[in-house]
């Protein structure tokens, strides 16, 4: 996947940037969880924030639609 493609989310192009500081132990846990889920830390953080902002149901619905398109199911 090209870097450019990774800057797109299910909610549009990722143009906004947030910078924050975390305690080392918190960052370590989040990075480990990202890797356990096969994601980069940025992908993991983005997904967590999208769920928090848009709600689990909306994020799940969008992912389901994407899967259906990939599998040729639904319209």
PDB file of N, CA and C in Angstrom:
ATOM      1  N   UNK A   1       0.844  -1.173   0.000  1.00  0.00           N
ATOM      2  CA  UNK A   1       0.000   0.000   0.000  1.00  0.00           C
ATOM      3  C   UNK A   1       0.893   1.242   0.000  1.00  0.00           C
ATOM      4  N   UNK A   2       0.567   2.166  -0.836  1.00  0.00           N
ATOM      5  CA  UNK A   2       1.342   3.397  -0.896  1.00  0.00           C
ATOM      6  C   UNK A   2       1.036   4.268   0.318  1.00  0.00           C
ATOM      7  N   UNK A   3       2.024   5.067   0.728  1.00  0.00           N
ATOM      8  CA  UNK A   3       1.814   5.954   1.873  1.00  0.00           C
ATOM      9  C   UNK A   3       0.615   6.859   1.667  1.00  0.00           C
ATOM     10  N   UNK A   4       0.436   7.355   0.427  1.00  0.00           N
ATOM     11  CA  UNK A   4      -0.672   8.244   0.124  1.00  0.00           C
ATOM     12  C   UNK A   4      -2.010   7.570   0.455  1.00  0.00           C
ATOM     13  N   UNK A   5      -2.137   6.275   0.146  1.00  0.00           N
ATOM     14  CA  UNK A   5      -3.374   5.550   0.399  1.00  0.00           C
ATOM     15  C   UNK A   5      -3.657   5.423   1.885  1.00  0.00           C
ATOM     16  N   UNK A   6      -2.641   5.360   2.698  1.00  0.00           N
ATOM     17  CA  UNK A   6      -2.821   5.193   4.137  1.00  0.00           C
ATOM     18  C   UNK A   6      -3.379   6.451   4.774  1.00  0.00           C
ATOM     19  N   UNK A   7      -3.327   7.577   4.070  1.00  0.00           N
ATOM     20  CA  UNK A   7      -3.835   8.818   4.635  1.00  0.00           C
ATOM     21  C   UNK A   7      -5.326   9.002   4.403  1.00  0.00           C
ATOM     22  N   UNK A   8      -5.964   8.000   3.827  1.00  0.00           N
ATOM     23  CA  UNK A   8      -7.415   8.023   3.654  1.00  0.00           C
ATOM     24  C   UNK A   8      -8.041   7.184   4.756  1.00  0.00           C
ATOM     25  N   UNK A   9      -9.136   7.639   5.275  1.00  0.00           N
ATOM     26  CA  UNK A   9      -9.886   6.841   6.232  1.00  0.00           C
ATOM     27  C   UNK A   9     -11.276   6.646   5.662  1.00  0.00           C
ATOM     28  N   UNK A  10     -12.085   5.920   6.367  1.00  0.00           N
ATOM     29  CA  UNK A  10     -13.462   5.728   5.930  1.00  0.00           C
ATOM     30  C   UNK A  10     -14.275   7.011   6.017  1.00  0.00           C
ATOM     31  N   UNK A  11     -13.733   8.027   6.631  1.00  0.00           N
ATOM     32  CA  UNK A  11     -14.447   9.281   6.821  1.00  0.00           C
ATOM     33  C   UNK A  11     -13.838  10.419   6.011  1.00  0.00           C
ATOM     34  N   UNK A  12     -12.983  10.101   5.053  1.00  0.00           N
ATOM     35  CA  UNK A  12     -12.393  11.111   4.191  1.00  0.00           C
ATOM     36  C   UNK A  12     -10.886  11.163   4.313  1.00  0.00           C
ATOM     37  N   UNK A  13     -10.310  12.056   3.531  1.00  0.00           N
ATOM     38  CA  UNK A  13      -8.859  12.218   3.519  1.00  0.00           C
ATOM     39  C   UNK A  13      -8.385  12.744   4.870  1.00  0.00           C
ATOM     40  N   UNK A  14      -7.316  12.163   5.361  1.00  0.00           N
ATOM     41  CA  UNK A  14      -6.758  12.558   6.664  1.00  0.00           C
ATOM     42  C   UNK A  14      -5.848  13.764   6.478  1.00  0.00           C
ATOM     43  N   UNK A  15      -6.390  14.938   6.744  1.00  0.00           N
ATOM     44  CA  UNK A  15      -5.635  16.173   6.555  1.00  0.00           C
ATOM     45  C   UNK A  15      -5.273  16.849   7.869  1.00  0.00           C
ATOM     46  N   UNK A  16      -5.938  16.470   8.946  1.00  0.00           N
ATOM     47  CA  UNK A  16      -5.725  17.128  10.239  1.00  0.00           C
ATOM     48  C   UNK A  16      -4.705  16.357  11.060  1.00  0.00           C
ATOM     49  N   UNK A  17      -3.868  17.105  11.741  1.00  0.00           N
ATOM     50  CA  UNK A  17      -2.810  16.487  12.540  1.00  0.00           C
ATOM     51  C   UNK A  17      -2.929  16.956  13.980  1.00  0.00           C
ATOM     52  N   UNK A  18      -2.800  16.014  14.912  1.00  0.00           N
ATOM     53  CA  UNK A  18      -2.797  16.325  16.337  1.00  0.00           C
ATOM     54  C   UNK A  18      -1.482  15.854  16.921  1.00  0.00           C
ATOM     55  N   UNK A  19      -0.891  16.691  17.733  1.00  0.00           N
ATOM     56  CA  UNK A  19       0.342  16.313  18.411  1.00  0.00           C
ATOM     57  C   UNK A  19       0.032  16.280  19.902  1.00  0.00           C
ATOM     58  N   UNK A  20       0.437  15.180  20.545  1.00  0.00           N
ATOM     59  CA  UNK A  20       0.211  15.085  21.975  1.00  0.00           C
ATOM     60  C   UNK A  20       1.343  14.319  22.628  1.00  0.00           C
ATOM     61  N   UNK A  21       1.447  14.481  23.903  1.00  0.00           N
ATOM     62  CA  UNK A  21       2.458  13.769  24.673  1.00  0.00           C
ATOM     63  C   UNK A  21       1.760  12.763  25.570  1.00  0.00           C
ATOM     64  N   UNK A  22       2.359  11.570  25.662  1.00  0.00           N
ATOM     65  CA  UNK A  22       1.838  10.504  26.509  1.00  0.00           C
ATOM     66  C   UNK A  22       2.928  10.042  27.451  1.00  0.00           C
ATOM     67  N   UNK A  23       2.519   9.492  28.562  1.00  0.00           N
ATOM     68  CA  UNK A  23       3.485   8.850  29.442  1.00  0.00           C
ATOM     69  C   UNK A  23       4.078   7.664  28.689  1.00  0.00           C
ATOM     70  N   UNK A  24       5.333   7.378  28.926  1.00  0.00           N
ATOM     71  CA  UNK A  24       6.008   6.285  28.233  1.00  0.00           C
ATOM     72  C   UNK A  24       5.240   4.986  28.375  1.00  0.00           C
ATOM     73  N   UNK A  25       4.759   4.692  29.589  1.00  0.00           N
ATOM     74  CA  UNK A  25       4.051   3.427  29.812  1.00  0.00           C
ATOM     75  C   UNK A  25       2.761   3.352  28.989  1.00  0.00           C
ATOM     76  N   UNK A  26       2.063   4.478  28.852  1.00  0.00           N
ATOM     77  CA  UNK A  26       0.838   4.507  28.050  1.00  0.00           C
ATOM     78  C   UNK A  26       1.157   4.291  26.580  1.00  0.00           C
ATOM     79  N   UNK A  27       2.154   4.985  26.083  1.00  0.00           N
ATOM     80  CA  UNK A  27       2.553   4.830  24.679  1.00  0.00           C
ATOM     81  C   UNK A  27       2.988   3.395  24.399  1.00  0.00           C
ATOM     82  N   UNK A  28       3.734   2.816  25.315  1.00  0.00           N
ATOM     83  CA  UNK A  28       4.215   1.445  25.152  1.00  0.00           C
ATOM     84  C   UNK A  28       3.038   0.464  25.032  1.00  0.00           C
ATOM     85  N   UNK A  29       2.041   0.635  25.882  1.00  0.00           N
ATOM     86  CA  UNK A  29       0.861  -0.234  25.838  1.00  0.00           C
ATOM     87  C   UNK A  29       0.109  -0.059  24.528  1.00  0.00           C
ATOM     88  N   UNK A  30      -0.100   1.190  24.100  1.00  0.00           N
ATOM     89  CA  UNK A  30      -0.844   1.442  22.869  1.00  0.00           C
ATOM     90  C   UNK A  30      -0.106   0.922  21.633  1.00  0.00           C
ATOM     91  N   UNK A  31       1.193   1.087  21.591  1.00  0.00           N
ATOM     92  CA  UNK A  31       1.981   0.569  20.465  1.00  0.00           C
ATOM     93  C   UNK A  31       1.910  -0.954  20.440  1.00  0.00           C
ATOM     94  N   UNK A  32       2.011  -1.579  21.596  1.00  0.00           N
ATOM     95  CA  UNK A  32       1.907  -3.035  21.658  1.00  0.00           C
ATOM     96  C   UNK A  32       0.540  -3.505  21.178  1.00  0.00           C
ATOM     97  N   UNK A  33      -0.520  -2.834  21.614  1.00  0.00           N
ATOM     98  CA  UNK A  33      -1.873  -3.211  21.176  1.00  0.00           C
ATOM     99  C   UNK A  33      -2.045  -3.015  19.674  1.00  0.00           C
ATOM    100  N   UNK A  34      -1.466  -1.966  19.146  1.00  0.00           N
ATOM    101  CA  UNK A  34      -1.530  -1.746  17.694  1.00  0.00           C
ATOM    102  C   UNK A  34      -0.891  -2.921  16.967  1.00  0.00           C
ATOM    103  N   UNK A  35       0.287  -3.306  17.377  1.00  0.00           N
ATOM    104  CA  UNK A  35       1.000  -4.410  16.728  1.00  0.00           C
ATOM    105  C   UNK A  35       0.268  -5.731  16.907  1.00  0.00           C
ATOM    106  N   UNK A  36      -0.336  -5.943  18.064  1.00  0.00           N
ATOM    107  CA  UNK A  36      -1.113  -7.161  18.305  1.00  0.00           C
ATOM    108  C   UNK A  36      -2.302  -7.260  17.348  1.00  0.00           C
ATOM    109  N   UNK A  37      -2.787  -6.103  16.894  1.00  0.00           N
ATOM    110  CA  UNK A  37      -3.917  -6.050  15.973  1.00  0.00           C
ATOM    111  C   UNK A  37      -3.478  -5.884  14.523  1.00  0.00           C
ATOM    112  N   UNK A  38      -2.185  -6.037  14.259  1.00  0.00           N
ATOM    113  CA  UNK A  38      -1.679  -5.948  12.892  1.00  0.00           C
ATOM    114  C   UNK A  38      -1.763  -4.559  12.296  1.00  0.00           C
ATOM    115  N   UNK A  39      -1.664  -3.545  13.138  1.00  0.00           N
ATOM    116  CA  UNK A  39      -1.786  -2.161  12.685  1.00  0.00           C
ATOM    117  C   UNK A  39      -0.555  -1.368  13.088  1.00  0.00           C
ATOM    118  N   UNK A  40      -0.326  -0.285  12.353  1.00  0.00           N
ATOM    119  CA  UNK A  40       0.676   0.671  12.810  1.00  0.00           C
ATOM    120  C   UNK A  40       0.053   1.450  13.963  1.00  0.00           C
ATOM    121  N   UNK A  41       0.871   2.073  14.793  1.00  0.00           N
ATOM    122  CA  UNK A  41       0.286   2.904  15.853  1.00  0.00           C
ATOM    123  C   UNK A  41      -0.653   3.984  15.297  1.00  0.00           C
ATOM    124  N   UNK A  42      -0.296   4.612  14.188  1.00  0.00           N
ATOM    125  CA  UNK A  42      -1.156   5.651  13.609  1.00  0.00           C
ATOM    126  C   UNK A  42      -2.509   5.088  13.192  1.00  0.00           C
ATOM    127  N   UNK A  43      -2.514   3.923  12.550  1.00  0.00           N
ATOM    128  CA  UNK A  43      -3.783   3.292  12.148  1.00  0.00           C
ATOM    129  C   UNK A  43      -4.628   2.958  13.375  1.00  0.00           C
ATOM    130  N   UNK A  44      -3.973   2.438  14.400  1.00  0.00           N
ATOM    131  CA  UNK A  44      -4.665   2.054  15.635  1.00  0.00           C
ATOM    132  C   UNK A  44      -5.280   3.279  16.309  1.00  0.00           C
ATOM    133  N   UNK A  45      -4.488   4.348  16.462  1.00  0.00           N
ATOM    134  CA  UNK A  45      -4.987   5.564  17.099  1.00  0.00           C
ATOM    135  C   UNK A  45      -6.141   6.147  16.290  1.00  0.00           C
ATOM    136  N   UNK A  46      -5.983   6.196  14.963  1.00  0.00           N
ATOM    137  CA  UNK A  46      -7.023   6.740  14.095  1.00  0.00           C
ATOM    138  C   UNK A  46      -8.326   5.958  14.262  1.00  0.00           C
ATOM    139  N   UNK A  47      -8.227   4.634  14.297  1.00  0.00           N
ATOM    140  CA  UNK A  47      -9.421   3.797  14.442  1.00  0.00           C
ATOM    141  C   UNK A  47     -10.095   4.035  15.786  1.00  0.00           C
ATOM    142  N   UNK A  48      -9.315   4.078  16.846  1.00  0.00           N
ATOM    143  CA  UNK A  48      -9.872   4.338  18.178  1.00  0.00           C
ATOM    144  C   UNK A  48     -10.582   5.692  18.202  1.00  0.00           C
ATOM    145  N   UNK A  49      -9.956   6.707  17.626  1.00  0.00           N
ATOM    146  CA  UNK A  49     -10.555   8.044  17.633  1.00  0.00           C
ATOM    147  C   UNK A  49     -11.804   8.110  16.755  1.00  0.00           C
ATOM    148  N   UNK A  50     -11.802   7.402  15.614  1.00  0.00           N
ATOM    149  CA  UNK A  50     -12.996   7.361  14.768  1.00  0.00           C
ATOM    150  C   UNK A  50     -14.161   6.706  15.511  1.00  0.00           C
ATOM    151  N   UNK A  51     -13.883   5.627  16.230  1.00  0.00           N
ATOM    152  CA  UNK A  51     -14.931   4.962  17.004  1.00  0.00           C
ATOM    153  C   UNK A  51     -15.464   5.909  18.071  1.00  0.00           C
ATOM    154  N   UNK A  52     -14.576   6.619  18.731  1.00  0.00           N
ATOM    155  CA  UNK A  52     -14.991   7.552  19.774  1.00  0.00           C
ATOM    156  C   UNK A  52     -15.811   8.702  19.175  1.00  0.00           C
ATOM    157  N   UNK A  53     -15.392   9.223  18.033  1.00  0.00           N
ATOM    158  CA  UNK A  53     -16.063  10.372  17.420  1.00  0.00           C
ATOM    159  C   UNK A  53     -17.373  10.000  16.731  1.00  0.00           C
ATOM    160  N   UNK A  54     -17.375   8.893  15.988  1.00  0.00           N
ATOM    161  CA  UNK A  54     -18.521   8.545  15.140  1.00  0.00           C
ATOM    162  C   UNK A  54     -19.412   7.461  15.735  1.00  0.00           C
ATOM    163  N   UNK A  55     -18.918   6.752  16.719  1.00  0.00           N
ATOM    164  CA  UNK A  55     -19.680   5.674  17.337  1.00  0.00           C
ATOM    165  C   UNK A  55     -19.361   4.320  16.716  1.00  0.00           C
ATOM    166  N   UNK A  56     -19.407   3.316  17.552  1.00  0.00           N
ATOM    167  CA  UNK A  56     -19.073   1.957  17.132  1.00  0.00           C
ATOM    168  C   UNK A  56     -19.978   1.477  15.997  1.00  0.00           C
ATOM    169  N   UNK A  57     -21.273   1.775  16.097  1.00  0.00           N
ATOM    170  CA  UNK A  57     -22.218   1.297  15.093  1.00  0.00           C
ATOM    171  C   UNK A  57     -21.901   1.854  13.710  1.00  0.00           C
ATOM    172  N   UNK A  58     -21.604   3.145  13.636  1.00  0.00           N
ATOM    173  CA  UNK A  58     -21.296   3.774  12.343  1.00  0.00           C
ATOM    174  C   UNK A  58     -20.011   3.208  11.752  1.00  0.00           C
ATOM    175  N   UNK A  59     -18.981   3.071  12.570  1.00  0.00           N
ATOM    176  CA  UNK A  59     -17.713   2.519  12.086  1.00  0.00           C
ATOM    177  C   UNK A  59     -17.912   1.072  11.630  1.00  0.00           C
ATOM    178  N   UNK A  60     -18.666   0.299  12.400  1.00  0.00           N
ATOM    179  CA  UNK A  60     -18.945  -1.091  12.020  1.00  0.00           C
ATOM    180  C   UNK A  60     -19.726  -1.154  10.714  1.00  0.00           C
ATOM    181  N   UNK A  61     -20.708  -0.278  10.547  1.00  0.00           N
ATOM    182  CA  UNK A  61     -21.512  -0.253   9.334  1.00  0.00           C
ATOM    183  C   UNK A  61     -20.648   0.036   8.109  1.00  0.00           C
ATOM    184  N   UNK A  62     -19.761   1.001   8.234  1.00  0.00           N
ATOM    185  CA  UNK A  62     -18.895   1.359   7.113  1.00  0.00           C
ATOM    186  C   UNK A  62     -17.947   0.210   6.775  1.00  0.00           C
ATOM    187  N   UNK A  63     -17.378  -0.431   7.777  1.00  0.00           N
ATOM    188  CA  UNK A  63     -16.489  -1.568   7.529  1.00  0.00           C
ATOM    189  C   UNK A  63     -17.251  -2.723   6.893  1.00  0.00           C
ATOM    190  N   UNK A  64     -18.473  -2.950   7.325  1.00  0.00           N
ATOM    191  CA  UNK A  64     -19.312  -4.006   6.745  1.00  0.00           C
ATOM    192  C   UNK A  64     -19.607  -3.712   5.277  1.00  0.00           C
ATOM    193  N   UNK A  65     -19.918  -2.463   4.958  1.00  0.00           N
ATOM    194  CA  UNK A  65     -20.162  -2.080   3.567  1.00  0.00           C
ATOM    195  C   UNK A  65     -18.925  -2.318   2.710  1.00  0.00           C
ATOM    196  N   UNK A  66     -17.772  -1.971   3.253  1.00  0.00           N
ATOM    197  CA  UNK A  66     -16.522  -2.174   2.516  1.00  0.00           C
ATOM    198  C   UNK A  66     -16.280  -3.666   2.259  1.00  0.00           C
ATOM    199  N   UNK A  67     -16.498  -4.481   3.277  1.00  0.00           N
ATOM    200  CA  UNK A  67     -16.340  -5.937   3.113  1.00  0.00           C
ATOM    201  C   UNK A  67     -17.314  -6.483   2.084  1.00  0.00           C
ATOM    202  N   UNK A  68     -18.556  -6.027   2.124  1.00  0.00           N
ATOM    203  CA  UNK A  68     -19.543  -6.486   1.165  1.00  0.00           C
ATOM    204  C   UNK A  68     -19.141  -6.145  -0.270  1.00  0.00           C
ATOM    205  N   UNK A  69     -18.606  -4.924  -0.471  1.00  0.00           N
ATOM    206  CA  UNK A  69     -18.133  -4.552  -1.809  1.00  0.00           C
ATOM    207  C   UNK A  69     -16.991  -5.454  -2.250  1.00  0.00           C
ATOM    208  N   UNK A  70     -16.053  -5.721  -1.349  1.00  0.00           N
ATOM    209  CA  UNK A  70     -14.910  -6.557  -1.689  1.00  0.00           C
ATOM    210  C   UNK A  70     -15.337  -7.986  -2.031  1.00  0.00           C
ATOM    211  N   UNK A  71     -16.352  -8.465  -1.359  1.00  0.00           N
ATOM    212  CA  UNK A  71     -16.817  -9.836  -1.562  1.00  0.00           C
ATOM    213  C   UNK A  71     -17.908  -9.932  -2.628  1.00  0.00           C
ATOM    214  N   UNK A  72     -18.291  -8.778  -3.194  1.00  0.00           N
ATOM    215  CA  UNK A  72     -19.317  -8.771  -4.224  1.00  0.00           C
ATOM    216  C   UNK A  72     -20.711  -9.022  -3.686  1.00  0.00           C
ATOM    217  N   UNK A  73     -20.906  -8.731  -2.424  1.00  0.00           N
ATOM    218  CA  UNK A  73     -22.211  -8.920  -1.786  1.00  0.00           C
ATOM    219  C   UNK A  73     -22.871  -7.572  -1.580  1.00  0.00           C
ATOM    220  N   UNK A  74     -24.151  -7.527  -1.644  1.00  0.00           N
ATOM    221  CA  UNK A  74     -24.867  -6.281  -1.411  1.00  0.00           C
ATOM    222  C   UNK A  74     -24.706  -5.339  -2.583  1.00  0.00           C
ATOM    223  N   UNK A  75     -25.301  -4.166  -2.446  1.00  0.00           N
ATOM    224  CA  UNK A  75     -25.259  -3.179  -3.535  1.00  0.00           C
ATOM    225  C   UNK A  75     -24.819  -1.849  -3.039  1.00  0.00           C
TER     226      UNK A  75
END
